Amino acid sequence: DIKPDWVEDSTVPKGWKRRILPGTGISKSNIPCLLSPSGRQFRTRHQALQWMTKNNSDSSEIDEMSNSLVHEGWECNSLLPQSWRFRLTQFYKFQFLNQEVKLIKKFKRSN
């Protein structure tokens, strides 16, 4: 199998690259991939952002990656705590990213 080349584009920070792999198997959904300037690969922007935050990357680069989450459907909302984001999945389930960029898929209602 020949994989598509990595390309730079405006949806990732400068020096980062991305490519889309064709889906296989049951799910024919395309698979996005990101490549950091150091050669580390990620499946999602939020995974890249987690790594960047954990490894104390440059704050402007972290902000740029954070702003690019919109390309994966992540949105801010004034009803959420500061720095939290949400998205609705293709199966109509909500997912959240907290201020530590931790993915929250399940939650319980408090009484």
PDB file of N, CA and C in Angstrom:
ATOM      1  N   ASP A   1       0.831  -1.194   0.000  1.00  0.00           N
ATOM      2  CA  ASP A   1       0.000   0.000   0.000  1.00  0.00           C
ATOM      3  C   ASP A   1       0.872   1.253   0.000  1.00  0.00           C
ATOM      4  N   ILE A   2       0.548   2.155  -0.867  1.00  0.00           N
ATOM      5  CA  ILE A   2       1.251   3.430  -0.926  1.00  0.00           C
ATOM      6  C   ILE A   2       0.425   4.453  -0.157  1.00  0.00           C
ATOM      7  N   LYS A   3       1.058   5.096   0.818  1.00  0.00           N
ATOM      8  CA  LYS A   3       0.369   6.100   1.624  1.00  0.00           C
ATOM      9  C   LYS A   3       0.540   7.468   0.980  1.00  0.00           C
ATOM     10  N   PRO A   4      -0.489   8.331   1.121  1.00  0.00           N
ATOM     11  CA  PRO A   4      -0.362   9.692   0.583  1.00  0.00           C
ATOM     12  C   PRO A   4       0.786  10.434   1.253  1.00  0.00           C
ATOM     13  N   ASP A   5       1.358  11.395   0.538  1.00  0.00           N
ATOM     14  CA  ASP A   5       2.453  12.197   1.083  1.00  0.00           C
ATOM     15  C   ASP A   5       1.940  13.125   2.177  1.00  0.00           C
ATOM     16  N   TRP A   6       2.832  13.479   3.089  1.00  0.00           N
ATOM     17  CA  TRP A   6       2.538  14.486   4.095  1.00  0.00           C
ATOM     18  C   TRP A   6       2.545  15.853   3.424  1.00  0.00           C
ATOM     19  N   VAL A   7       1.604  16.708   3.794  1.00  0.00           N
ATOM     20  CA  VAL A   7       1.541  18.051   3.217  1.00  0.00           C
ATOM     21  C   VAL A   7       1.349  19.085   4.323  1.00  0.00           C
ATOM     22  N   GLU A   8       1.905  20.259   4.109  1.00  0.00           N
ATOM     23  CA  GLU A   8       1.659  21.379   5.017  1.00  0.00           C
ATOM     24  C   GLU A   8       0.387  22.063   4.548  1.00  0.00           C
ATOM     25  N   ASP A   9      -0.434  22.477   5.497  1.00  0.00           N
ATOM     26  CA  ASP A   9      -1.608  23.262   5.128  1.00  0.00           C
ATOM     27  C   ASP A   9      -1.973  24.201   6.270  1.00  0.00           C
ATOM     28  N   SER A  10      -2.946  25.047   6.042  1.00  0.00           N
ATOM     29  CA  SER A  10      -3.286  26.093   7.008  1.00  0.00           C
ATOM     30  C   SER A  10      -4.088  25.582   8.202  1.00  0.00           C
ATOM     31  N   THR A  11      -4.447  24.295   8.232  1.00  0.00           N
ATOM     32  CA  THR A  11      -5.251  23.772   9.344  1.00  0.00           C
ATOM     33  C   THR A  11      -4.404  23.220  10.483  1.00  0.00           C
ATOM     34  N   VAL A  12      -3.079  23.292  10.364  1.00  0.00           N
ATOM     35  CA  VAL A  12      -2.167  22.863  11.430  1.00  0.00           C
ATOM     36  C   VAL A  12      -1.086  23.935  11.591  1.00  0.00           C
ATOM     37  N   PRO A  13      -0.446  24.000  12.755  1.00  0.00           N
ATOM     38  CA  PRO A  13       0.602  25.013  12.962  1.00  0.00           C
ATOM     39  C   PRO A  13       1.750  24.872  11.958  1.00  0.00           C
ATOM     40  N   LYS A  14       2.439  25.976  11.762  1.00  0.00           N
ATOM     41  CA  LYS A  14       3.589  25.997  10.857  1.00  0.00           C
ATOM     42  C   LYS A  14       4.590  24.917  11.271  1.00  0.00           C
ATOM     43  N   GLY A  15       5.096  24.178  10.295  1.00  0.00           N
ATOM     44  CA  GLY A  15       6.044  23.107  10.547  1.00  0.00           C
ATOM     45  C   GLY A  15       5.382  21.742  10.720  1.00  0.00           C
ATOM     46  N   TRP A  16       4.090  21.734  11.024  1.00  0.00           N
ATOM     47  CA  TRP A  16       3.327  20.493  11.130  1.00  0.00           C
ATOM     48  C   TRP A  16       2.822  20.102   9.751  1.00  0.00           C
ATOM     49  N   LYS A  17       2.569  18.805   9.554  1.00  0.00           N
ATOM     50  CA  LYS A  17       2.040  18.319   8.284  1.00  0.00           C
ATOM     51  C   LYS A  17       0.873  17.378   8.568  1.00  0.00           C
ATOM     52  N   ARG A  18       0.075  17.152   7.538  1.00  0.00           N
ATOM     53  CA  ARG A  18      -1.033  16.216   7.690  1.00  0.00           C
ATOM     54  C   ARG A  18      -1.234  15.426   6.415  1.00  0.00           C
ATOM     55  N   ARG A  19      -1.943  14.327   6.546  1.00  0.00           N
ATOM     56  CA  ARG A  19      -2.344  13.538   5.393  1.00  0.00           C
ATOM     57  C   ARG A  19      -3.617  12.790   5.758  1.00  0.00           C
ATOM     58  N   ILE A  20      -4.319  12.375   4.739  1.00  0.00           N
ATOM     59  CA  ILE A  20      -5.558  11.626   4.920  1.00  0.00           C
ATOM     60  C   ILE A  20      -5.361  10.251   4.312  1.00  0.00           C
ATOM     61  N   LEU A  21      -5.488   9.221   5.154  1.00  0.00           N
ATOM     62  CA  LEU A  21      -5.382   7.850   4.663  1.00  0.00           C
ATOM     63  C   LEU A  21      -6.777   7.349   4.302  1.00  0.00           C
ATOM     64  N   PRO A  22      -6.904   6.631   3.201  1.00  0.00           N
ATOM     65  CA  PRO A  22      -8.228   6.107   2.841  1.00  0.00           C
ATOM     66  C   PRO A  22      -8.681   5.052   3.845  1.00  0.00           C
ATOM     67  N   GLY A  23      -9.973   5.075   4.179  1.00  0.00           N
ATOM     68  CA  GLY A  23     -10.542   4.101   5.099  1.00  0.00           C
ATOM     69  C   GLY A  23     -10.540   2.707   4.495  1.00  0.00           C
ATOM     70  N   THR A  24     -10.453   1.729   5.366  1.00  0.00           N
ATOM     71  CA  THR A  24     -10.466   0.336   4.920  1.00  0.00           C
ATOM     72  C   THR A  24     -11.406  -0.463   5.810  1.00  0.00           C
ATOM     73  N   GLY A  25     -11.660  -1.688   5.449  1.00  0.00           N
ATOM     74  CA  GLY A  25     -12.492  -2.560   6.266  1.00  0.00           C
ATOM     75  C   GLY A  25     -13.945  -2.127   6.270  1.00  0.00           C
ATOM     76  N   ILE A  26     -14.599  -2.355   7.397  1.00  0.00           N
ATOM     77  CA  ILE A  26     -16.023  -2.030   7.516  1.00  0.00           C
ATOM     78  C   ILE A  26     -16.242  -0.528   7.403  1.00  0.00           C
ATOM     79  N   SER A  27     -15.413   0.240   8.108  1.00  0.00           N
ATOM     80  CA  SER A  27     -15.543   1.691   8.075  1.00  0.00           C
ATOM     81  C   SER A  27     -14.747   2.237   6.891  1.00  0.00           C
ATOM     82  N   LYS A  28     -15.418   2.854   5.994  1.00  0.00           N
ATOM     83  CA  LYS A  28     -14.747   3.442   4.831  1.00  0.00           C
ATOM     84  C   LYS A  28     -14.376   4.897   5.080  1.00  0.00           C
ATOM     85  N   SER A  29     -14.468   5.336   6.347  1.00  0.00           N
ATOM     86  CA  SER A  29     -14.130   6.714   6.692  1.00  0.00           C
ATOM     87  C   SER A  29     -12.640   6.952   6.504  1.00  0.00           C
ATOM     88  N   ASN A  30     -12.316   8.107   5.956  1.00  0.00           N
ATOM     89  CA  ASN A  30     -10.913   8.472   5.810  1.00  0.00           C
ATOM     90  C   ASN A  30     -10.283   8.702   7.182  1.00  0.00           C
ATOM     91  N   ILE A  31      -8.987   8.466   7.286  1.00  0.00           N
ATOM     92  CA  ILE A  31      -8.281   8.560   8.551  1.00  0.00           C
ATOM     93  C   ILE A  31      -7.279   9.710   8.477  1.00  0.00           C
ATOM     94  N   PRO A  32      -7.544  10.791   9.227  1.00  0.00           N
ATOM     95  CA  PRO A  32      -6.587  11.897   9.233  1.00  0.00           C
ATOM     96  C   PRO A  32      -5.393  11.582  10.114  1.00  0.00           C
ATOM     97  N   CYS A  33      -4.229  12.079   9.746  1.00  0.00           N
ATOM     98  CA  CYS A  33      -3.009  11.898  10.526  1.00  0.00           C
ATOM     99  C   CYS A  33      -2.246  13.214  10.548  1.00  0.00           C
ATOM    100  N   LEU A  34      -1.548  13.460  11.662  1.00  0.00           N
ATOM    101  CA  LEU A  34      -0.725  14.652  11.810  1.00  0.00           C
ATOM    102  C   LEU A  34       0.717  14.243  12.069  1.00  0.00           C
ATOM    103  N   LEU A  35       1.645  15.054  11.609  1.00  0.00           N
ATOM    104  CA  LEU A  35       3.077  14.819  11.798  1.00  0.00           C
ATOM    105  C   LEU A  35       3.694  16.075  12.395  1.00  0.00           C
ATOM    106  N   SER A  36       4.306  15.922  13.566  1.00  0.00           N
ATOM    107  CA  SER A  36       4.950  17.070  14.224  1.00  0.00           C
ATOM    108  C   SER A  36       6.276  17.386  13.532  1.00  0.00           C
ATOM    109  N   PRO A  37       6.825  18.575  13.782  1.00  0.00           N
ATOM    110  CA  PRO A  37       8.136  18.900  13.210  1.00  0.00           C
ATOM    111  C   PRO A  37       9.231  17.916  13.636  1.00  0.00           C
ATOM    112  N   SER A  38       9.053  17.267  14.799  1.00  0.00           N
ATOM    113  CA  SER A  38      10.060  16.306  15.274  1.00  0.00           C
ATOM    114  C   SER A  38       9.835  14.895  14.721  1.00  0.00           C
ATOM    115  N   GLY A  39       8.756  14.700  13.928  1.00  0.00           N
ATOM    116  CA  GLY A  39       8.501  13.408  13.307  1.00  0.00           C
ATOM    117  C   GLY A  39       7.523  12.525  14.052  1.00  0.00           C
ATOM    118  N   ARG A  40       6.953  13.006  15.144  1.00  0.00           N
ATOM    119  CA  ARG A  40       5.968  12.233  15.912  1.00  0.00           C
ATOM    120  C   ARG A  40       4.601  12.300  15.210  1.00  0.00           C
ATOM    121  N   GLN A  41       3.923  11.155  15.114  1.00  0.00           N
ATOM    122  CA  GLN A  41       2.640  11.076  14.429  1.00  0.00           C
ATOM    123  C   GLN A  41       1.476  11.013  15.416  1.00  0.00           C
ATOM    124  N   PHE A  42       0.360  11.629  15.028  1.00  0.00           N
ATOM    125  CA  PHE A  42      -0.857  11.655  15.837  1.00  0.00           C
ATOM    126  C   PHE A  42      -2.067  11.409  14.947  1.00  0.00           C
ATOM    127  N   ARG A  43      -3.088  10.789  15.511  1.00  0.00           N
ATOM    128  CA  ARG A  43      -4.330  10.548  14.775  1.00  0.00           C
ATOM    129  C   ARG A  43      -5.277  11.746  14.829  1.00  0.00           C
ATOM    130  N   THR A  44      -5.193  12.538  15.894  1.00  0.00           N
ATOM    131  CA  THR A  44      -6.103  13.677  16.034  1.00  0.00           C
ATOM    132  C   THR A  44      -5.347  14.906  16.517  1.00  0.00           C
ATOM    133  N   ARG A  45      -5.956  16.054  16.297  1.00  0.00           N
ATOM    134  CA  ARG A  45      -5.377  17.298  16.778  1.00  0.00           C
ATOM    135  C   ARG A  45      -5.399  17.348  18.300  1.00  0.00           C
ATOM    136  N   HIS A  46      -6.448  16.795  18.918  1.00  0.00           N
ATOM    137  CA  HIS A  46      -6.474  16.865  20.377  1.00  0.00           C
ATOM    138  C   HIS A  46      -5.370  15.990  20.983  1.00  0.00           C
ATOM    139  N   GLN A  47      -5.025  14.866  20.338  1.00  0.00           N
ATOM    140  CA  GLN A  47      -3.897  14.060  20.825  1.00  0.00           C
ATOM    141  C   GLN A  47      -2.586  14.826  20.665  1.00  0.00           C
ATOM    142  N   ALA A  48      -2.451  15.513  19.553  1.00  0.00           N
ATOM    143  CA  ALA A  48      -1.255  16.336  19.337  1.00  0.00           C
ATOM    144  C   ALA A  48      -1.191  17.451  20.375  1.00  0.00           C
ATOM    145  N   LEU A  49      -2.327  18.071  20.660  1.00  0.00           N
ATOM    146  CA  LEU A  49      -2.384  19.150  21.641  1.00  0.00           C
ATOM    147  C   LEU A  49      -2.054  18.638  23.039  1.00  0.00           C
ATOM    148  N   GLN A  50      -2.531  17.456  23.396  1.00  0.00           N
ATOM    149  CA  GLN A  50      -2.181  16.848  24.686  1.00  0.00           C
ATOM    150  C   GLN A  50      -0.665  16.687  24.807  1.00  0.00           C
ATOM    151  N   TRP A  51      -0.066  16.146  23.752  1.00  0.00           N
ATOM    152  CA  TRP A  51       1.376  15.918  23.751  1.00  0.00           C
ATOM    153  C   TRP A  51       2.129  17.244  23.847  1.00  0.00           C
ATOM    154  N   MET A  52       1.669  18.243  23.090  1.00  0.00           N
ATOM    155  CA  MET A  52       2.324  19.545  23.103  1.00  0.00           C
ATOM    156  C   MET A  52       2.263  20.173  24.498  1.00  0.00           C
ATOM    157  N   THR A  53       1.109  20.071  25.144  1.00  0.00           N
ATOM    158  CA  THR A  53       0.924  20.633  26.479  1.00  0.00           C
ATOM    159  C   THR A  53       1.798  19.909  27.492  1.00  0.00           C
ATOM    160  N   LYS A  54       1.794  18.585  27.421  1.00  0.00           N
ATOM    161  CA  LYS A  54       2.580  17.769  28.351  1.00  0.00           C
ATOM    162  C   LYS A  54       4.078  18.025  28.201  1.00  0.00           C
ATOM    163  N   ASN A  55       4.516  18.316  26.978  1.00  0.00           N
ATOM    164  CA  ASN A  55       5.940  18.506  26.696  1.00  0.00           C
ATOM    165  C   ASN A  55       6.352  19.974  26.632  1.00  0.00           C
ATOM    166  N   ASN A  56       5.497  20.841  27.173  1.00  0.00           N
ATOM    167  CA  ASN A  56       5.806  22.273  27.281  1.00  0.00           C
ATOM    168  C   ASN A  56       6.244  22.898  25.960  1.00  0.00           C
ATOM    169  N   SER A  57       5.489  22.632  24.907  1.00  0.00           N
ATOM    170  CA  SER A  57       5.765  23.260  23.610  1.00  0.00           C
ATOM    171  C   SER A  57       5.542  24.764  23.717  1.00  0.00           C
ATOM    172  N   ASP A  58       5.999  25.471  22.723  1.00  0.00           N
ATOM    173  CA  ASP A  58       5.841  26.920  22.663  1.00  0.00           C
ATOM    174  C   ASP A  58       4.364  27.294  22.791  1.00  0.00           C
ATOM    175  N   SER A  59       4.049  28.270  23.642  1.00  0.00           N
ATOM    176  CA  SER A  59       2.653  28.627  23.919  1.00  0.00           C
ATOM    177  C   SER A  59       1.912  29.115  22.674  1.00  0.00           C
ATOM    178  N   SER A  60       2.594  29.797  21.769  1.00  0.00           N
ATOM    179  CA  SER A  60       1.917  30.263  20.559  1.00  0.00           C
ATOM    180  C   SER A  60       1.565  29.082  19.648  1.00  0.00           C
ATOM    181  N   GLU A  61       2.419  28.058  19.626  1.00  0.00           N
ATOM    182  CA  GLU A  61       2.135  26.857  18.839  1.00  0.00           C
ATOM    183  C   GLU A  61       0.982  26.059  19.471  1.00  0.00           C
ATOM    184  N   ILE A  62       0.956  26.016  20.801  1.00  0.00           N
ATOM    185  CA  ILE A  62      -0.146  25.358  21.498  1.00  0.00           C
ATOM    186  C   ILE A  62      -1.458  26.078  21.191  1.00  0.00           C
ATOM    187  N   ASP A  63      -1.444  27.409  21.242  1.00  0.00           N
ATOM    188  CA  ASP A  63      -2.654  28.179  20.914  1.00  0.00           C
ATOM    189  C   ASP A  63      -3.104  27.920  19.490  1.00  0.00           C
ATOM    190  N   GLU A  64      -2.152  27.857  18.565  1.00  0.00           N
ATOM    191  CA  GLU A  64      -2.482  27.612  17.158  1.00  0.00           C
ATOM    192  C   GLU A  64      -3.109  26.225  16.981  1.00  0.00           C
ATOM    193  N   MET A  65      -2.552  25.210  17.649  1.00  0.00           N
ATOM    194  CA  MET A  65      -3.133  23.872  17.557  1.00  0.00           C
ATOM    195  C   MET A  65      -4.510  23.845  18.220  1.00  0.00           C
ATOM    196  N   SER A  66      -4.644  24.523  19.341  1.00  0.00           N
ATOM    197  CA  SER A  66      -5.929  24.601  20.039  1.00  0.00           C
ATOM    198  C   SER A  66      -6.995  25.222  19.132  1.00  0.00           C
ATOM    199  N   ASN A  67      -6.627  26.280  18.440  1.00  0.00           N
ATOM    200  CA  ASN A  67      -7.563  26.936  17.520  1.00  0.00           C
ATOM    201  C   ASN A  67      -7.911  26.052  16.326  1.00  0.00           C
ATOM    202  N   SER A  68      -7.027  25.116  15.976  1.00  0.00           N
ATOM    203  CA  SER A  68      -7.284  24.245  14.823  1.00  0.00           C
ATOM    204  C   SER A  68      -8.226  23.087  15.156  1.00  0.00           C
ATOM    205  N   LEU A  69      -8.578  22.923  16.441  1.00  0.00           N
ATOM    206  CA  LEU A  69      -9.511  21.852  16.833  1.00  0.00           C
ATOM    207  C   LEU A  69     -10.854  21.984  16.122  1.00  0.00           C
ATOM    208  N   VAL A  70     -11.174  23.190  15.696  1.00  0.00           N
ATOM    209  CA  VAL A  70     -12.434  23.418  14.977  1.00  0.00           C
ATOM    210  C   VAL A  70     -12.513  22.544  13.721  1.00  0.00           C
ATOM    211  N   HIS A  71     -11.381  22.183  13.153  1.00  0.00           N
ATOM    212  CA  HIS A  71     -11.352  21.346  11.950  1.00  0.00           C
ATOM    213  C   HIS A  71     -11.723  19.894  12.238  1.00  0.00           C
ATOM    214  N   GLU A  72     -11.807  19.537  13.523  1.00  0.00           N
ATOM    215  CA  GLU A  72     -12.266  18.209  13.916  1.00  0.00           C
ATOM    216  C   GLU A  72     -13.624  18.286  14.609  1.00  0.00           C
ATOM    217  N   GLY A  73     -14.294  19.427  14.436  1.00  0.00           N
ATOM    218  CA  GLY A  73     -15.653  19.578  14.952  1.00  0.00           C
ATOM    219  C   GLY A  73     -15.768  20.102  16.373  1.00  0.00           C
ATOM    220  N   TRP A  74     -14.650  20.465  17.002  1.00  0.00           N
ATOM    221  CA  TRP A  74     -14.685  20.948  18.384  1.00  0.00           C
ATOM    222  C   TRP A  74     -15.132  22.400  18.430  1.00  0.00           C
ATOM    223  N   GLU A  75     -16.016  22.703  19.380  1.00  0.00           N
ATOM    224  CA  GLU A  75     -16.553  24.055  19.535  1.00  0.00           C
ATOM    225  C   GLU A  75     -16.445  24.510  20.979  1.00  0.00           C
ATOM    226  N   CYS A  76     -16.335  25.816  21.162  1.00  0.00           N
ATOM    227  CA  CYS A  76     -16.418  26.418  22.488  1.00  0.00           C
ATOM    228  C   CYS A  76     -17.868  26.822  22.715  1.00  0.00           C
ATOM    229  N   ASN A  77     -18.255  26.959  23.980  1.00  0.00           N
ATOM    230  CA  ASN A  77     -19.604  27.408  24.297  1.00  0.00           C
ATOM    231  C   ASN A  77     -19.560  28.082  25.650  1.00  0.00           C
ATOM    232  N   SER A  78     -20.268  29.197  25.773  1.00  0.00           N
ATOM    233  CA  SER A  78     -20.250  29.961  27.024  1.00  0.00           C
ATOM    234  C   SER A  78     -20.873  29.196  28.184  1.00  0.00           C
ATOM    235  N   LEU A  79     -21.623  28.137  27.911  1.00  0.00           N
ATOM    236  CA  LEU A  79     -22.217  27.329  28.970  1.00  0.00           C
ATOM    237  C   LEU A  79     -21.223  26.327  29.571  1.00  0.00           C
ATOM    238  N   LEU A  80     -20.100  26.147  28.905  1.00  0.00           N
ATOM    239  CA  LEU A  80     -19.065  25.226  29.392  1.00  0.00           C
ATOM    240  C   LEU A  80     -18.048  25.989  30.229  1.00  0.00           C
ATOM    241  N   PRO A  81     -17.330  25.270  31.114  1.00  0.00           N
ATOM    242  CA  PRO A  81     -16.242  25.934  31.841  1.00  0.00           C
ATOM    243  C   PRO A  81     -15.204  26.496  30.862  1.00  0.00           C
ATOM    244  N   GLN A  82     -14.458  27.476  31.321  1.00  0.00           N
ATOM    245  CA  GLN A  82     -13.436  28.106  30.482  1.00  0.00           C
ATOM    246  C   GLN A  82     -12.453  27.058  29.966  1.00  0.00           C
ATOM    247  N   SER A  83     -12.102  27.165  28.708  1.00  0.00           N
ATOM    248  CA  SER A  83     -11.154  26.294  27.998  1.00  0.00           C
ATOM    249  C   SER A  83     -11.718  24.910  27.667  1.00  0.00           C
ATOM    250  N   TRP A  84     -12.968  24.640  27.969  1.00  0.00           N
ATOM    251  CA  TRP A  84     -13.588  23.371  27.582  1.00  0.00           C
ATOM    252  C   TRP A  84     -14.149  23.504  26.179  1.00  0.00           C
ATOM    253  N   ARG A  85     -14.250  22.369  25.477  1.00  0.00           N
ATOM    254  CA  ARG A  85     -14.837  22.308  24.138  1.00  0.00           C
ATOM    255  C   ARG A  85     -15.747  21.090  24.067  1.00  0.00           C
ATOM    256  N   PHE A  86     -16.627  21.102  23.079  1.00  0.00           N
ATOM    257  CA  PHE A  86     -17.511  19.955  22.878  1.00  0.00           C
ATOM    258  C   PHE A  86     -17.676  19.694  21.390  1.00  0.00           C
ATOM    259  N   ARG A  87     -18.137  18.502  21.070  1.00  0.00           N
ATOM    260  CA  ARG A  87     -18.544  18.186  19.709  1.00  0.00           C
ATOM    261  C   ARG A  87     -19.595  17.086  19.772  1.00  0.00           C
ATOM    262  N   LEU A  88     -20.367  16.998  18.731  1.00  0.00           N
ATOM    263  CA  LEU A  88     -21.378  15.963  18.588  1.00  0.00           C
ATOM    264  C   LEU A  88     -20.835  14.962  17.578  1.00  0.00           C
ATOM    265  N   THR A  89     -20.765  13.688  17.960  1.00  0.00           N
ATOM    266  CA  THR A  89     -20.195  12.672  17.079  1.00  0.00           C
ATOM    267  C   THR A  89     -21.197  12.286  15.995  1.00  0.00           C
ATOM    268  N   GLN A  90     -20.737  11.488  15.045  1.00  0.00           N
ATOM    269  CA  GLN A  90     -21.617  11.025  13.968  1.00  0.00           C
ATOM    270  C   GLN A  90     -22.732  10.142  14.504  1.00  0.00           C
ATOM    271  N   PHE A  91     -22.574   9.635  15.723  1.00  0.00           N
ATOM    272  CA  PHE A  91     -23.602   8.793  16.342  1.00  0.00           C
ATOM    273  C   PHE A  91     -24.446   9.592  17.329  1.00  0.00           C
ATOM    274  N   TYR A  92     -24.385  10.931  17.229  1.00  0.00           N
ATOM    275  CA  TYR A  92     -25.173  11.851  18.044  1.00  0.00           C
ATOM    276  C   TYR A  92     -24.884  11.718  19.540  1.00  0.00           C
ATOM    277  N   LYS A  93     -23.636  11.542  19.860  1.00  0.00           N
ATOM    278  CA  LYS A  93     -23.199  11.525  21.251  1.00  0.00           C
ATOM    279  C   LYS A  93     -22.260  12.703  21.468  1.00  0.00           C
ATOM    280  N   PHE A  94     -22.377  13.315  22.633  1.00  0.00           N
ATOM    281  CA  PHE A  94     -21.503  14.435  22.951  1.00  0.00           C
ATOM    282  C   PHE A  94     -20.164  13.944  23.487  1.00  0.00           C
ATOM    283  N   GLN A  95     -19.113  14.655  23.095  1.00  0.00           N
ATOM    284  CA  GLN A  95     -17.779  14.460  23.647  1.00  0.00           C
ATOM    285  C   GLN A  95     -17.299  15.824  24.120  1.00  0.00           C
ATOM    286  N   PHE A  96     -16.459  15.814  25.141  1.00  0.00           N
ATOM    287  CA  PHE A  96     -15.929  17.054  25.689  1.00  0.00           C
ATOM    288  C   PHE A  96     -14.417  16.964  25.797  1.00  0.00           C
ATOM    289  N   LEU A  97     -13.767  18.113  25.683  1.00  0.00           N
ATOM    290  CA  LEU A  97     -12.345  18.257  26.002  1.00  0.00           C
ATOM    291  C   LEU A  97     -12.271  19.239  27.157  1.00  0.00           C
ATOM    292  N   ASN A  98     -11.616  18.828  28.257  1.00  0.00           N
ATOM    293  CA  ASN A  98     -11.495  19.748  29.383  1.00  0.00           C
ATOM    294  C   ASN A  98     -10.256  20.625  29.228  1.00  0.00           C
ATOM    295  N   GLN A  99      -9.977  21.423  30.260  1.00  0.00           N
ATOM    296  CA  GLN A  99      -8.861  22.372  30.164  1.00  0.00           C
ATOM    297  C   GLN A  99      -7.508  21.688  30.053  1.00  0.00           C
ATOM    298  N   GLU A 100      -7.429  20.402  30.442  1.00  0.00           N
ATOM    299  CA  GLU A 100      -6.179  19.649  30.263  1.00  0.00           C
ATOM    300  C   GLU A 100      -6.171  18.885  28.942  1.00  0.00           C
ATOM    301  N   VAL A 101      -7.141  19.135  28.091  1.00  0.00           N
ATOM    302  CA  VAL A 101      -7.301  18.499  26.781  1.00  0.00           C
ATOM    303  C   VAL A 101      -7.572  16.996  26.939  1.00  0.00           C
ATOM    304  N   LYS A 102      -8.179  16.623  28.047  1.00  0.00           N
ATOM    305  CA  LYS A 102      -8.562  15.232  28.275  1.00  0.00           C
ATOM    306  C   LYS A 102      -9.926  14.993  27.636  1.00  0.00           C
ATOM    307  N   LEU A 103     -10.026  13.930  26.858  1.00  0.00           N
ATOM    308  CA  LEU A 103     -11.268  13.585  26.178  1.00  0.00           C
ATOM    309  C   LEU A 103     -12.233  12.933  27.159  1.00  0.00           C
ATOM    310  N   ILE A 104     -13.437  13.473  27.226  1.00  0.00           N
ATOM    311  CA  ILE A 104     -14.476  12.937  28.103  1.00  0.00           C
ATOM    312  C   ILE A 104     -15.617  12.457  27.213  1.00  0.00           C
ATOM    313  N   LYS A 105     -15.846  11.139  27.228  1.00  0.00           N
ATOM    314  CA  LYS A 105     -16.884  10.548  26.388  1.00  0.00           C
ATOM    315  C   LYS A 105     -18.137  10.196  27.187  1.00  0.00           C
ATOM    316  N   LYS A 106     -17.963   9.929  28.468  1.00  0.00           N
ATOM    317  CA  LYS A 106     -19.090   9.534  29.309  1.00  0.00           C
ATOM    318  C   LYS A 106     -19.159  10.451  30.512  1.00  0.00           C
ATOM    319  N   PHE A 107     -20.356  10.735  30.937  1.00  0.00           N
ATOM    320  CA  PHE A 107     -20.535  11.575  32.109  1.00  0.00           C
ATOM    321  C   PHE A 107     -21.861  11.217  32.755  1.00  0.00           C
ATOM    322  N   LYS A 108     -21.969  11.537  34.030  1.00  0.00           N
ATOM    323  CA  LYS A 108     -23.191  11.282  34.778  1.00  0.00           C
ATOM    324  C   LYS A 108     -23.770  12.604  35.214  1.00  0.00           C
ATOM    325  N   ARG A 109     -25.082  12.657  35.243  1.00  0.00           N
ATOM    326  CA  ARG A 109     -25.779  13.843  35.717  1.00  0.00           C
ATOM    327  C   ARG A 109     -25.697  13.886  37.238  1.00  0.00           C
ATOM    328  N   SER A 110     -25.393  15.045  37.796  1.00  0.00           N
ATOM    329  CA  SER A 110     -25.373  15.179  39.257  1.00  0.00           C
ATOM    330  C   SER A 110     -26.748  15.593  39.725  1.00  0.00           C
ATOM    331  N   ASN A 111     -27.086  15.211  40.945  1.00  0.00           N
ATOM    332  CA  ASN A 111     -28.418  15.553  41.496  1.00  0.00           C
ATOM    333  C   ASN A 111     -28.353  16.804  42.322  1.00  0.00           C
TER     334      ASN A 111
END
